[in-house]
Protein backbone atom coordinates (compact mmCIF):
# COMPACT_ATOMS: atom_id res chain seq x y z
CA MET A 1 17.51 -11.01 7.20
CA ARG A 2 18.22 -10.75 3.46
CA LEU A 3 17.73 -14.52 3.08
CA ALA A 4 14.32 -14.26 4.81
CA TRP A 5 13.30 -11.47 2.41
CA VAL A 6 14.34 -13.56 -0.62
CA ALA A 7 12.32 -16.50 0.72
CA LEU A 8 9.31 -14.22 1.20
CA VAL A 9 9.53 -12.95 -2.37
CA MET A 10 9.72 -16.55 -3.62
CA VAL A 11 6.61 -17.47 -1.61
CA ALA A 12 4.78 -14.42 -2.99
CA GLY A 13 5.69 -15.51 -6.52
CA THR A 14 4.33 -18.99 -5.84
CA ILE A 15 1.08 -17.60 -4.49
CA HIS A 16 0.82 -15.42 -7.60
CA ALA A 17 1.12 -18.46 -9.84
CA GLN A 18 -1.91 -19.88 -8.07
CA ALA A 19 -3.93 -16.66 -8.52
CA GLN A 20 -3.30 -15.64 -12.12
CA ASP A 21 -6.77 -14.12 -12.52
CA SER A 22 -6.42 -11.77 -9.57
CA LYS A 23 -6.68 -7.99 -9.99
CA ILE A 24 -3.50 -7.31 -8.00
CA ASN A 25 -0.61 -9.73 -8.16
CA ASN A 26 2.85 -9.97 -6.69
CA GLY A 27 4.65 -12.31 -9.09
CA SER A 28 7.22 -11.79 -11.83
CA ASP A 29 4.80 -10.13 -14.28
CA ALA A 30 3.89 -7.58 -11.61
CA GLN A 31 7.09 -5.70 -12.42
CA GLU A 32 5.59 -4.91 -15.81
CA SER A 33 2.08 -4.18 -14.51
CA VAL A 34 1.17 -0.79 -13.15
CA LEU A 35 -2.08 -0.56 -11.23
CA TYR A 36 -4.29 2.52 -11.13
CA CYS A 37 -5.73 3.11 -7.66
CA VAL A 38 -8.54 5.46 -6.68
CA GLU A 39 -9.40 6.43 -3.12
CA GLU A 40 -13.14 6.30 -2.43
CA SER A 41 -12.92 7.98 0.95
CA ALA A 42 -10.20 9.56 3.11
CA ASN A 43 -10.62 10.51 6.76
CA GLY A 44 -8.50 11.18 9.83
CA PHE A 45 -7.20 13.98 11.99
CA ASP A 46 -5.95 17.25 10.56
CA ALA A 47 -3.02 18.87 12.34
CA GLU A 48 -3.30 22.59 13.04
CA GLY A 49 -0.26 23.50 15.08
CA SER A 50 -0.27 21.15 18.05
CA THR A 51 -4.02 20.44 17.96
CA TYR A 52 -5.82 17.81 15.92
CA SER A 53 -9.39 17.79 14.71
CA ARG A 54 -11.40 15.14 12.88
CA SER A 55 -11.31 15.75 9.18
CA THR A 56 -12.38 14.47 5.79
CA PHE A 57 -9.61 14.69 3.20
CA ALA A 58 -9.90 15.01 -0.56
CA SER A 59 -9.72 11.60 -2.20
CA GLY A 60 -6.72 10.99 -4.39
CA LYS A 61 -5.42 8.76 -7.15
CA PHE A 62 -2.09 6.98 -7.46
CA THR A 63 -0.32 4.21 -9.30
CA LEU A 64 0.97 1.06 -7.65
CA GLN A 65 3.68 -1.25 -8.94
CA PHE A 66 4.93 -4.37 -7.16
CA THR A 67 8.62 -5.17 -7.54
CA GLU A 68 10.89 -7.92 -6.26
CA ALA A 69 11.84 -5.61 -3.38
CA GLY A 70 8.29 -4.57 -2.44
CA ALA A 71 6.03 -1.90 -3.94
CA ILE A 72 6.24 1.60 -5.39
CA VAL A 73 3.35 4.03 -4.92
CA ASN A 74 3.50 7.11 -7.16
CA GLN A 75 1.15 9.88 -6.03
CA ARG A 76 1.30 13.41 -7.44
CA GLY A 77 4.80 12.76 -8.81
CA THR A 78 6.19 11.56 -5.46
CA LYS A 79 7.33 7.95 -5.21
CA GLU A 80 6.95 6.07 -1.95
CA TYR A 81 8.88 2.78 -1.57
CA TYR A 82 7.37 0.01 0.55
CA GLY A 83 8.56 -3.34 1.85
CA CYS A 84 5.77 -5.93 1.54
CA ASN A 85 4.65 -9.23 3.06
CA VAL A 86 1.97 -11.70 2.08
CA SER A 87 -0.46 -12.20 4.96
CA PRO A 88 -0.03 -15.56 6.74
CA PHE A 89 -3.80 -15.56 7.36
CA ASN A 90 -4.99 -14.81 3.82
CA GLY A 91 -2.66 -15.35 0.85
CA ASP A 92 -4.66 -12.82 -1.18
CA VAL A 93 -3.71 -9.96 1.16
CA ILE A 94 -0.43 -8.04 0.82
CA THR A 95 0.65 -5.68 3.60
CA CYS A 96 3.31 -3.05 2.91
CA SER A 97 5.01 -0.33 4.95
CA ASP A 98 7.74 2.26 4.52
CA ARG A 99 10.10 3.90 7.02
CA ASN A 100 7.98 7.04 7.41
CA GLY A 101 4.80 5.65 8.94
CA TYR A 102 2.94 4.94 5.69
CA TYR A 103 1.09 1.63 5.41
CA PHE A 104 -0.67 -0.02 2.50
CA THR A 105 -2.76 -3.21 2.55
CA ALA A 106 -4.33 -4.65 -0.61
CA ASN A 107 -6.38 -7.69 -1.58
CA ARG A 108 -5.04 -9.20 -4.81
CA ASN A 109 -8.39 -10.72 -5.82
CA THR A 110 -10.73 -7.82 -5.13
CA GLY A 111 -8.39 -4.87 -5.76
CA ARG A 112 -9.54 -3.21 -2.52
CA PHE A 113 -6.96 -1.33 -0.44
CA ILE A 114 -6.43 0.61 2.76
CA LYS A 115 -3.67 3.26 2.86
CA ASN A 116 -2.67 5.22 5.95
CA GLN A 117 -0.25 7.88 7.11
CA SER A 118 0.35 7.83 10.83
CA PHE A 119 3.90 8.65 11.90
CA GLY A 120 3.86 12.43 12.44
CA PHE A 121 1.54 12.48 15.45
CA VAL A 122 3.57 9.87 17.34
CA ASN A 123 6.84 11.60 16.50
CA GLY A 124 5.60 15.06 17.52
CA GLN A 125 5.88 16.47 13.98
CA ASN A 126 2.28 17.75 13.84
CA ASP A 127 1.50 15.89 10.61
CA SER A 128 -2.06 14.93 9.79
CA VAL A 129 -3.16 11.35 10.43
CA ARG A 130 -4.95 9.97 7.37
CA THR A 131 -6.61 6.71 6.34
CA SER A 132 -8.13 6.05 2.94
CA ILE A 133 -9.93 3.16 1.27
CA GLY A 134 -10.44 2.41 -2.39
CA ASN A 135 -9.85 0.11 -5.35
CA CYS A 136 -6.97 -0.69 -7.70
CA SER A 137 -7.20 -2.13 -11.19
CA LYS A 138 -4.85 -2.76 -14.11
CA PHE A 139 -4.53 -0.04 -16.74
């Protein structure tokens, strides 16, 4: 499994070398680059006890940094660590997930992203289900 992850990181670095002008990259210089991401809209289902209702959430801001091991999202002082893969269908798209039901997908050329939180409902923890869209750019 570790060997497959190393191979994936090497492929991501190669793809980065081919897309040096992209807004979001996943190569060696990405460890030094911190991206500033702004949610344009956030919607989902708000948990109130054991019932859920459709809801609009306040949009947020966060920083994103790709590392050799994946990605780090820092939102309101809380760091979330993600494992990432380059899409086999579109080399510009990076899909990341953590162990707590958080997912992040970004397009390296456009800077557009989708971020969602979805684990609590399935696990019976009465957490809100949230999906946001927005854009990332370099500082």
